[in-house]
N, C-alpha and C. Protein backbone atom coordinates (compact mmCIF):
# COMPACT_ATOMS: atom_id res chain seq x y z
N UNK A 1 -8.73 -9.37 -15.38
CA UNK A 1 -9.09 -8.04 -14.91
C UNK A 1 -7.87 -7.14 -14.83
N UNK A 2 -6.75 -7.66 -14.32
CA UNK A 2 -5.54 -6.85 -14.18
C UNK A 2 -5.06 -6.38 -15.55
N UNK A 3 -5.04 -7.29 -16.51
CA UNK A 3 -4.57 -6.92 -17.85
C UNK A 3 -5.39 -5.81 -18.45
N UNK A 4 -6.70 -5.88 -18.30
CA UNK A 4 -7.58 -4.84 -18.83
C UNK A 4 -7.32 -3.52 -18.13
N UNK A 5 -7.17 -3.56 -16.82
CA UNK A 5 -6.95 -2.32 -16.09
C UNK A 5 -5.60 -1.72 -16.44
N UNK A 6 -4.57 -2.57 -16.53
CA UNK A 6 -3.23 -2.06 -16.85
C UNK A 6 -3.22 -1.39 -18.22
N UNK A 7 -3.88 -2.02 -19.18
CA UNK A 7 -3.96 -1.43 -20.53
C UNK A 7 -4.70 -0.11 -20.49
N UNK A 8 -5.82 -0.08 -19.76
CA UNK A 8 -6.61 1.13 -19.64
C UNK A 8 -5.80 2.24 -18.97
N UNK A 9 -5.09 1.87 -17.89
CA UNK A 9 -4.30 2.85 -17.13
C UNK A 9 -3.21 3.45 -18.00
N UNK A 10 -2.48 2.61 -18.68
CA UNK A 10 -1.37 3.09 -19.51
C UNK A 10 -1.85 3.87 -20.71
N UNK A 11 -2.98 3.46 -21.29
CA UNK A 11 -3.50 4.13 -22.47
C UNK A 11 -4.08 5.50 -22.13
N UNK A 12 -4.42 5.71 -20.90
CA UNK A 12 -5.04 6.96 -20.47
C UNK A 12 -4.16 7.65 -19.44
N UNK A 13 -3.02 8.10 -19.86
CA UNK A 13 -2.06 8.73 -18.95
C UNK A 13 -2.67 9.95 -18.25
N UNK A 14 -3.70 10.53 -18.85
CA UNK A 14 -4.33 11.68 -18.21
C UNK A 14 -4.96 11.31 -16.88
N UNK A 15 -5.25 10.03 -16.67
CA UNK A 15 -5.82 9.61 -15.39
C UNK A 15 -4.83 9.81 -14.24
N UNK A 16 -3.55 9.80 -14.57
CA UNK A 16 -2.56 10.05 -13.53
C UNK A 16 -2.71 11.44 -12.94
N UNK A 17 -3.32 12.33 -13.71
CA UNK A 17 -3.56 13.68 -13.22
C UNK A 17 -4.78 13.73 -12.31
N UNK A 18 -5.63 12.71 -12.37
CA UNK A 18 -6.84 12.68 -11.57
C UNK A 18 -6.93 11.35 -10.82
N UNK A 19 -6.04 11.17 -9.89
CA UNK A 19 -5.97 9.93 -9.14
C UNK A 19 -7.20 9.68 -8.29
N UNK A 20 -7.82 10.75 -7.83
CA UNK A 20 -9.01 10.61 -6.99
C UNK A 20 -10.10 9.80 -7.69
N UNK A 21 -10.27 10.04 -8.98
CA UNK A 21 -11.29 9.32 -9.74
C UNK A 21 -11.04 7.82 -9.76
N UNK A 22 -9.80 7.43 -9.76
CA UNK A 22 -9.45 6.01 -9.87
C UNK A 22 -9.30 5.33 -8.52
N UNK A 23 -9.23 6.09 -7.44
CA UNK A 23 -8.93 5.51 -6.13
C UNK A 23 -9.93 4.42 -5.74
N UNK A 24 -11.21 4.69 -5.89
CA UNK A 24 -12.23 3.71 -5.50
C UNK A 24 -12.12 2.44 -6.32
N UNK A 25 -11.79 2.57 -7.60
CA UNK A 25 -11.62 1.39 -8.43
C UNK A 25 -10.42 0.57 -7.96
N UNK A 26 -9.33 1.23 -7.65
CA UNK A 26 -8.14 0.52 -7.17
C UNK A 26 -8.47 -0.21 -5.88
N UNK A 27 -9.19 0.44 -4.99
CA UNK A 27 -9.58 -0.19 -3.72
C UNK A 27 -10.48 -1.40 -4.00
N UNK A 28 -11.37 -1.29 -4.96
CA UNK A 28 -12.28 -2.40 -5.26
C UNK A 28 -11.55 -3.63 -5.77
N UNK A 29 -10.37 -3.45 -6.35
CA UNK A 29 -9.58 -4.60 -6.82
C UNK A 29 -9.19 -5.51 -5.65
N UNK A 30 -9.08 -4.97 -4.45
CA UNK A 30 -8.72 -5.78 -3.29
C UNK A 30 -9.80 -6.77 -2.90
N UNK A 31 -10.99 -6.61 -3.43
CA UNK A 31 -12.06 -7.56 -3.15
C UNK A 31 -12.00 -8.77 -4.06
N UNK A 32 -11.10 -8.70 -5.04
CA UNK A 32 -10.94 -9.80 -5.99
C UNK A 32 -10.03 -10.88 -5.46
N UNK A 33 -9.42 -11.59 -6.37
CA UNK A 33 -8.55 -12.69 -5.96
C UNK A 33 -7.20 -12.16 -5.45
N UNK A 34 -6.32 -13.08 -5.15
CA UNK A 34 -5.03 -12.74 -4.57
C UNK A 34 -4.22 -11.80 -5.45
N UNK A 35 -4.24 -12.04 -6.75
CA UNK A 35 -3.38 -11.27 -7.65
C UNK A 35 -3.97 -9.90 -7.96
N UNK A 36 -5.29 -9.80 -8.06
CA UNK A 36 -5.92 -8.49 -8.21
C UNK A 36 -5.63 -7.64 -6.98
N UNK A 37 -5.74 -8.26 -5.81
CA UNK A 37 -5.48 -7.55 -4.57
C UNK A 37 -4.04 -7.09 -4.45
N UNK A 38 -3.13 -7.96 -4.81
CA UNK A 38 -1.71 -7.59 -4.78
C UNK A 38 -1.43 -6.44 -5.75
N UNK A 39 -2.01 -6.53 -6.94
CA UNK A 39 -1.85 -5.48 -7.95
C UNK A 39 -2.38 -4.15 -7.42
N UNK A 40 -3.53 -4.18 -6.75
CA UNK A 40 -4.11 -2.96 -6.19
C UNK A 40 -3.19 -2.35 -5.14
N UNK A 41 -2.62 -3.17 -4.29
CA UNK A 41 -1.72 -2.66 -3.25
C UNK A 41 -0.47 -2.05 -3.86
N UNK A 42 0.02 -2.64 -4.93
CA UNK A 42 1.20 -2.07 -5.59
C UNK A 42 0.84 -0.76 -6.29
N UNK A 43 -0.37 -0.68 -6.86
CA UNK A 43 -0.82 0.61 -7.44
C UNK A 43 -0.88 1.68 -6.35
N UNK A 44 -1.41 1.31 -5.19
CA UNK A 44 -1.45 2.26 -4.08
C UNK A 44 -0.03 2.70 -3.72
N UNK A 45 0.88 1.75 -3.67
CA UNK A 45 2.27 2.05 -3.34
C UNK A 45 2.91 3.00 -4.35
N UNK A 46 2.63 2.78 -5.61
CA UNK A 46 3.29 3.54 -6.67
C UNK A 46 2.69 4.93 -6.89
N UNK A 47 1.38 5.07 -6.71
CA UNK A 47 0.71 6.31 -7.10
C UNK A 47 0.00 7.06 -5.98
N UNK A 48 -0.32 6.39 -4.88
CA UNK A 48 -1.22 7.01 -3.91
C UNK A 48 -0.59 7.33 -2.56
N UNK A 49 0.67 7.06 -2.34
CA UNK A 49 1.29 7.39 -1.06
C UNK A 49 1.62 8.87 -1.08
N UNK A 50 0.56 9.65 -0.86
CA UNK A 50 0.61 11.11 -0.85
C UNK A 50 -0.22 11.60 0.32
N UNK A 51 0.00 12.82 0.71
CA UNK A 51 -0.71 13.37 1.88
C UNK A 51 -2.22 13.28 1.75
N UNK A 52 -2.75 13.50 0.56
CA UNK A 52 -4.21 13.51 0.41
C UNK A 52 -4.82 12.11 0.48
N UNK A 53 -4.03 11.06 0.32
CA UNK A 53 -4.56 9.69 0.33
C UNK A 53 -4.10 8.86 1.52
N UNK A 54 -3.14 9.33 2.29
CA UNK A 54 -2.52 8.48 3.30
C UNK A 54 -3.52 7.98 4.34
N UNK A 55 -4.42 8.83 4.80
CA UNK A 55 -5.41 8.39 5.79
C UNK A 55 -6.38 7.38 5.18
N UNK A 56 -6.74 7.58 3.92
CA UNK A 56 -7.62 6.63 3.23
C UNK A 56 -6.93 5.27 3.07
N UNK A 57 -5.64 5.30 2.81
CA UNK A 57 -4.88 4.05 2.69
C UNK A 57 -4.90 3.30 4.02
N UNK A 58 -4.64 4.01 5.12
CA UNK A 58 -4.63 3.34 6.43
C UNK A 58 -6.02 2.82 6.80
N UNK A 59 -7.07 3.56 6.47
CA UNK A 59 -8.43 3.07 6.71
C UNK A 59 -8.68 1.79 5.92
N UNK A 60 -8.22 1.78 4.70
CA UNK A 60 -8.39 0.59 3.85
C UNK A 60 -7.61 -0.60 4.40
N UNK A 61 -6.39 -0.36 4.82
CA UNK A 61 -5.56 -1.44 5.35
C UNK A 61 -6.20 -2.08 6.56
N UNK A 62 -6.82 -1.29 7.42
CA UNK A 62 -7.44 -1.82 8.63
C UNK A 62 -8.60 -2.76 8.34
N UNK A 63 -9.20 -2.65 7.15
CA UNK A 63 -10.34 -3.49 6.79
C UNK A 63 -9.99 -4.54 5.74
N UNK A 64 -8.73 -4.74 5.50
CA UNK A 64 -8.28 -5.59 4.40
C UNK A 64 -8.18 -7.05 4.83
N UNK A 65 -8.68 -7.94 3.98
CA UNK A 65 -8.53 -9.37 4.17
C UNK A 65 -7.10 -9.74 3.76
N UNK A 66 -6.36 -10.33 4.67
CA UNK A 66 -4.95 -10.63 4.44
C UNK A 66 -4.69 -12.13 4.37
N UNK A 67 -5.55 -12.85 3.68
CA UNK A 67 -5.43 -14.30 3.65
C UNK A 67 -4.41 -14.85 2.66
N UNK A 68 -3.93 -14.04 1.75
CA UNK A 68 -3.10 -14.55 0.67
C UNK A 68 -1.67 -14.00 0.74
N UNK A 69 -0.73 -14.85 0.38
CA UNK A 69 0.69 -14.49 0.47
C UNK A 69 1.01 -13.22 -0.33
N UNK A 70 0.58 -13.15 -1.59
CA UNK A 70 0.96 -12.01 -2.42
C UNK A 70 0.27 -10.72 -1.96
N UNK A 71 -0.90 -10.83 -1.37
CA UNK A 71 -1.52 -9.65 -0.77
C UNK A 71 -0.71 -9.18 0.44
N UNK A 72 -0.25 -10.14 1.23
CA UNK A 72 0.56 -9.79 2.40
C UNK A 72 1.84 -9.09 1.98
N UNK A 73 2.48 -9.61 0.94
CA UNK A 73 3.73 -9.00 0.47
C UNK A 73 3.47 -7.61 -0.12
N UNK A 74 2.39 -7.48 -0.91
CA UNK A 74 2.03 -6.17 -1.46
C UNK A 74 1.76 -5.17 -0.36
N UNK A 75 1.07 -5.63 0.67
CA UNK A 75 0.76 -4.76 1.81
C UNK A 75 2.03 -4.36 2.55
N UNK A 76 2.95 -5.29 2.71
CA UNK A 76 4.22 -4.97 3.38
C UNK A 76 5.01 -3.93 2.59
N UNK A 77 5.05 -4.09 1.27
CA UNK A 77 5.74 -3.10 0.43
C UNK A 77 5.06 -1.74 0.51
N UNK A 78 3.72 -1.75 0.49
CA UNK A 78 2.97 -0.49 0.61
C UNK A 78 3.30 0.19 1.93
N UNK A 79 3.28 -0.56 3.02
CA UNK A 79 3.56 0.03 4.33
C UNK A 79 5.00 0.53 4.44
N UNK A 80 5.92 -0.17 3.83
CA UNK A 80 7.31 0.31 3.89
C UNK A 80 7.45 1.62 3.12
N UNK A 81 6.75 1.76 2.01
CA UNK A 81 6.77 3.02 1.26
C UNK A 81 6.08 4.12 2.05
N UNK A 82 4.98 3.78 2.70
CA UNK A 82 4.31 4.77 3.57
C UNK A 82 5.26 5.22 4.67
N UNK A 83 6.03 4.29 5.22
CA UNK A 83 6.95 4.64 6.29
C UNK A 83 8.05 5.57 5.79
N UNK A 84 8.49 5.38 4.56
CA UNK A 84 9.51 6.26 4.00
C UNK A 84 9.00 7.69 3.90
N UNK A 85 7.75 7.85 3.50
CA UNK A 85 7.21 9.19 3.25
C UNK A 85 6.46 9.78 4.45
N UNK A 86 5.86 8.92 5.27
CA UNK A 86 5.05 9.37 6.41
C UNK A 86 5.37 8.49 7.62
N UNK A 87 6.58 8.61 8.13
CA UNK A 87 7.07 7.70 9.17
C UNK A 87 6.18 7.72 10.42
N UNK A 88 5.84 8.90 10.91
CA UNK A 88 5.07 8.97 12.16
C UNK A 88 3.68 8.36 12.01
N UNK A 89 2.99 8.69 10.94
CA UNK A 89 1.64 8.14 10.73
C UNK A 89 1.69 6.62 10.53
N UNK A 90 2.68 6.17 9.81
CA UNK A 90 2.80 4.73 9.55
C UNK A 90 3.16 4.00 10.83
N UNK A 91 4.04 4.59 11.63
CA UNK A 91 4.40 3.98 12.91
C UNK A 91 3.17 3.85 13.79
N UNK A 92 2.34 4.88 13.84
CA UNK A 92 1.09 4.82 14.62
C UNK A 92 0.20 3.69 14.12
N UNK A 93 0.09 3.56 12.80
CA UNK A 93 -0.74 2.51 12.22
C UNK A 93 -0.19 1.13 12.56
N UNK A 94 1.12 0.97 12.49
CA UNK A 94 1.72 -0.32 12.84
C UNK A 94 1.53 -0.66 14.31
N UNK A 95 1.53 0.36 15.17
CA UNK A 95 1.35 0.12 16.60
C UNK A 95 -0.07 -0.32 16.94
N UNK A 96 -1.03 0.01 16.09
CA UNK A 96 -2.41 -0.46 16.31
C UNK A 96 -2.50 -1.97 16.13
N UNK A 97 -1.54 -2.52 15.38
CA UNK A 97 -1.37 -3.95 15.21
C UNK A 97 -2.63 -4.65 14.70
N UNK A 98 -3.20 -4.15 13.62
CA UNK A 98 -4.34 -4.81 13.00
C UNK A 98 -3.88 -5.81 11.94
N UNK A 99 -2.58 -5.89 11.71
CA UNK A 99 -2.02 -6.80 10.71
C UNK A 99 -1.72 -8.15 11.33
N UNK A 100 -1.67 -9.17 10.49
CA UNK A 100 -1.19 -10.45 10.98
C UNK A 100 0.31 -10.33 11.24
N UNK A 101 0.84 -11.24 12.02
CA UNK A 101 2.24 -11.17 12.46
C UNK A 101 3.21 -11.16 11.28
N UNK A 102 2.98 -12.00 10.27
CA UNK A 102 3.86 -12.09 9.11
C UNK A 102 3.95 -10.75 8.39
N UNK A 103 2.81 -10.16 8.05
CA UNK A 103 2.79 -8.90 7.30
C UNK A 103 3.42 -7.78 8.13
N UNK A 104 3.09 -7.74 9.40
CA UNK A 104 3.64 -6.73 10.30
C UNK A 104 5.17 -6.80 10.30
N UNK A 105 5.72 -8.00 10.47
CA UNK A 105 7.17 -8.16 10.53
C UNK A 105 7.85 -7.87 9.20
N UNK A 106 7.24 -8.29 8.10
CA UNK A 106 7.83 -8.02 6.78
C UNK A 106 7.82 -6.51 6.50
N UNK A 107 6.74 -5.83 6.85
CA UNK A 107 6.67 -4.37 6.62
C UNK A 107 7.78 -3.66 7.39
N UNK A 108 7.98 -4.05 8.64
CA UNK A 108 9.04 -3.44 9.44
C UNK A 108 10.41 -3.77 8.85
N UNK A 109 10.59 -5.01 8.44
CA UNK A 109 11.89 -5.40 7.85
C UNK A 109 12.18 -4.61 6.58
N UNK A 110 11.16 -4.47 5.71
CA UNK A 110 11.36 -3.73 4.46
C UNK A 110 11.72 -2.27 4.75
N UNK A 111 11.08 -1.68 5.73
CA UNK A 111 11.38 -0.29 6.09
C UNK A 111 12.80 -0.17 6.65
N UNK A 112 13.19 -1.13 7.48
CA UNK A 112 14.54 -1.08 8.06
C UNK A 112 15.62 -1.32 7.02
N UNK A 113 15.33 -2.13 6.03
CA UNK A 113 16.31 -2.41 4.98
C UNK A 113 16.43 -1.27 3.97
N UNK A 114 15.43 -0.40 3.94
CA UNK A 114 15.42 0.67 2.96
C UNK A 114 16.52 1.70 3.24
N UNK A 115 17.18 2.11 2.20
CA UNK A 115 18.18 3.17 2.33
C UNK A 115 17.53 4.55 2.35
N UNK A 116 16.23 4.60 2.07
CA UNK A 116 15.53 5.90 2.04
C UNK A 116 14.93 6.28 3.39
N UNK A 117 14.97 5.37 4.36
CA UNK A 117 14.46 5.68 5.71
C UNK A 117 15.62 6.26 6.52
N UNK A 118 15.36 7.41 7.13
CA UNK A 118 16.36 8.07 7.97
C UNK A 118 16.73 7.15 9.13
N UNK A 119 17.99 7.06 9.46
CA UNK A 119 18.46 6.16 10.50
C UNK A 119 17.83 6.46 11.86
N UNK A 120 17.44 7.71 12.08
CA UNK A 120 16.76 8.05 13.35
C UNK A 120 15.44 7.31 13.48
N UNK A 121 14.75 7.10 12.37
CA UNK A 121 13.47 6.40 12.40
C UNK A 121 13.63 4.89 12.49
N UNK A 122 14.79 4.39 12.13
CA UNK A 122 15.01 2.94 12.21
C UNK A 122 15.17 2.48 13.65
N UNK A 123 15.40 3.40 14.56
CA UNK A 123 15.56 3.06 15.97
C UNK A 123 14.24 2.65 16.58
N UNK A 124 13.11 3.20 16.08
CA UNK A 124 11.78 2.87 16.62
C UNK A 124 11.73 1.38 16.87
């Protein structure tokens, strides 16, 4: 499934101009196996961490099955990117603590290690 989607995505660069159309499909990948889910989270990280999608991303994260290692890591990377761009909203989401302990700690660690996070926000 990932290979087909990646080929489709790259072959149709015009879809990058209409991310809304693809959002539901990307979200649906999280219902698949560990690697489809991880791929979907990385797509969210790369293309959807924008003001118009940030609340949808947090809603999705709150309902996400986090049983697999690579999904947890993808989610941690997604959250660290969200923190870089939307620190206050991401901090609020992390404080709700709907994540398992491992993912929560890795997301915080990735954000703290990032050189793109303002040092004032690393104090949180």
